[in-house]
Amino acid sequence: MVTSEYAMGLIAAVGFASLLYKVLTSGQVMAALQGIVDKALDVQF
């Protein structure tokens, strides 16, 4: 019983990780992250 629960948890974690990867590598998110990094690098001290 414990092994099957572990397998289901692992499958759910892999599914969530793949969904998160797809979201973070989408065009809009990549552009937003690039804008944040550009803005942070252009700050004058």
N, C-alpha and C. Protein backbone atom coordinates (compact mmCIF):
# COMPACT_ATOMS: atom_id res chain seq x y z
N MET A 1 0.83 -1.20 0.00
CA MET A 1 0.00 0.00 0.00
C MET A 1 0.87 1.25 0.00
N VAL A 2 1.92 1.27 0.77
CA VAL A 2 2.77 2.45 0.85
C VAL A 2 3.47 2.68 -0.48
N THR A 3 3.90 1.63 -1.14
CA THR A 3 4.60 1.77 -2.41
C THR A 3 3.70 2.39 -3.48
N SER A 4 2.46 1.99 -3.52
CA SER A 4 1.54 2.57 -4.52
C SER A 4 1.27 4.04 -4.22
N GLU A 5 1.19 4.40 -2.95
CA GLU A 5 1.00 5.80 -2.60
C GLU A 5 2.24 6.61 -2.99
N TYR A 6 3.41 6.05 -2.79
CA TYR A 6 4.65 6.72 -3.17
C TYR A 6 4.69 6.93 -4.69
N ALA A 7 4.27 5.92 -5.44
CA ALA A 7 4.26 6.02 -6.90
C ALA A 7 3.29 7.09 -7.37
N MET A 8 2.13 7.16 -6.77
CA MET A 8 1.15 8.18 -7.15
C MET A 8 1.66 9.58 -6.82
N GLY A 9 2.31 9.73 -5.69
CA GLY A 9 2.90 11.02 -5.33
C GLY A 9 3.99 11.43 -6.29
N LEU A 10 4.80 10.47 -6.71
CA LEU A 10 5.88 10.75 -7.66
C LEU A 10 5.31 11.15 -9.01
N ILE A 11 4.28 10.47 -9.45
CA ILE A 11 3.64 10.81 -10.73
C ILE A 11 3.04 12.22 -10.66
N ALA A 12 2.41 12.55 -9.56
CA ALA A 12 1.84 13.89 -9.40
C ALA A 12 2.93 14.96 -9.39
N ALA A 13 4.04 14.68 -8.72
CA ALA A 13 5.14 15.65 -8.67
C ALA A 13 5.76 15.86 -10.05
N VAL A 14 5.91 14.80 -10.81
CA VAL A 14 6.46 14.92 -12.16
C VAL A 14 5.50 15.70 -13.06
N GLY A 15 4.22 15.44 -12.92
CA GLY A 15 3.23 16.19 -13.69
C GLY A 15 3.24 17.67 -13.37
N PHE A 16 3.33 17.99 -12.08
CA PHE A 16 3.38 19.39 -11.67
C PHE A 16 4.65 20.05 -12.16
N ALA A 17 5.79 19.35 -12.10
CA ALA A 17 7.05 19.90 -12.57
C ALA A 17 7.01 20.16 -14.07
N SER A 18 6.42 19.27 -14.83
CA SER A 18 6.35 19.48 -16.28
C SER A 18 5.43 20.64 -16.62
N LEU A 19 4.33 20.79 -15.89
CA LEU A 19 3.44 21.92 -16.10
C LEU A 19 4.14 23.23 -15.77
N LEU A 20 4.86 23.27 -14.67
CA LEU A 20 5.60 24.46 -14.28
C LEU A 20 6.67 24.81 -15.30
N TYR A 21 7.35 23.80 -15.84
CA TYR A 21 8.36 24.02 -16.87
C TYR A 21 7.73 24.63 -18.13
N LYS A 22 6.57 24.10 -18.54
CA LYS A 22 5.89 24.64 -19.73
C LYS A 22 5.50 26.10 -19.51
N VAL A 23 5.00 26.43 -18.32
CA VAL A 23 4.59 27.80 -18.04
C VAL A 23 5.80 28.73 -18.04
N LEU A 24 6.88 28.31 -17.39
CA LEU A 24 8.05 29.18 -17.29
C LEU A 24 8.79 29.35 -18.61
N THR A 25 8.64 28.43 -19.53
CA THR A 25 9.32 28.56 -20.81
C THR A 25 8.40 29.11 -21.90
N SER A 26 7.20 29.54 -21.54
CA SER A 26 6.32 30.15 -22.53
C SER A 26 6.84 31.53 -22.90
N GLY A 27 6.44 32.01 -24.04
CA GLY A 27 6.95 33.29 -24.56
C GLY A 27 6.66 34.47 -23.67
N GLN A 28 5.44 34.57 -23.16
CA GLN A 28 5.07 35.72 -22.34
C GLN A 28 5.84 35.75 -21.02
N VAL A 29 5.98 34.61 -20.39
CA VAL A 29 6.69 34.55 -19.11
C VAL A 29 8.17 34.83 -19.32
N MET A 30 8.74 34.28 -20.40
CA MET A 30 10.15 34.54 -20.69
C MET A 30 10.39 36.02 -20.93
N ALA A 31 9.49 36.68 -21.65
CA ALA A 31 9.62 38.11 -21.91
C ALA A 31 9.52 38.92 -20.62
N ALA A 32 8.60 38.53 -19.75
CA ALA A 32 8.44 39.24 -18.47
C ALA A 32 9.68 39.08 -17.60
N LEU A 33 10.21 37.85 -17.53
CA LEU A 33 11.42 37.63 -16.73
C LEU A 33 12.62 38.38 -17.32
N GLN A 34 12.71 38.42 -18.64
CA GLN A 34 13.80 39.15 -19.29
C GLN A 34 13.69 40.64 -18.98
N GLY A 35 12.47 41.16 -18.98
CA GLY A 35 12.26 42.57 -18.65
C GLY A 35 12.67 42.88 -17.22
N ILE A 36 12.37 41.99 -16.30
CA ILE A 36 12.76 42.19 -14.90
C ILE A 36 14.27 42.19 -14.76
N VAL A 37 14.93 41.25 -15.42
CA VAL A 37 16.39 41.17 -15.34
C VAL A 37 17.03 42.40 -15.97
N ASP A 38 16.53 42.82 -17.13
CA ASP A 38 17.07 44.02 -17.80
C ASP A 38 16.92 45.25 -16.93
N LYS A 39 15.74 45.38 -16.31
CA LYS A 39 15.50 46.53 -15.44
C LYS A 39 16.44 46.52 -14.23
N ALA A 40 16.67 45.32 -13.68
CA ALA A 40 17.55 45.21 -12.51
C ALA A 40 19.00 45.53 -12.88
N LEU A 41 19.42 45.18 -14.08
CA LEU A 41 20.79 45.43 -14.49
C LEU A 41 21.03 46.88 -14.89
N ASP A 42 19.96 47.62 -15.21
CA ASP A 42 20.09 49.02 -15.61
C ASP A 42 20.01 50.00 -14.44
N VAL A 43 19.90 49.51 -13.22
CA VAL A 43 19.78 50.38 -12.05
C VAL A 43 21.11 51.11 -11.83
N GLN A 44 21.02 52.41 -11.61
CA GLN A 44 22.21 53.24 -11.36
C GLN A 44 22.46 53.29 -9.85
N PHE A 45 23.70 53.10 -9.46
CA PHE A 45 24.05 53.15 -8.03
C PHE A 45 24.67 54.46 -7.69
